[in-house]
Amino acid sequence: MDAKAKEQFRWKFYSLALQLNAIILLGALAVLALFLAPVPFRYPAVAILLIAAAVLGYSFQKKYYLTKAWLDEQPDKKDEG
């Protein structure tokens, strides 16, 4: 993998890591909202947080598979030398 591809991979990985952290955070906030939110807002808050996590999870999955396919296309330095 050349330097340009390594830089691209670093940013792709960084983006995926941030998205995954956001999904985990939204799930944790949904659990907290279930117990700590005021009663009239409890279930709508949980639903909104879980829907946001699901949408972000779907986006993450698509980006993950695209990045994995891109990475598989990159030549290895070990194979060249």
Foldseek 3Di string as FASTA:
>chain_A
DDPVVVVVLVVLVVVLVVLVVLLVVLQVVLVVLCPPPPPVCRVVSNVVSNVVSVVSVVVSVVSVVVSVVVVVPDDDPVVVD
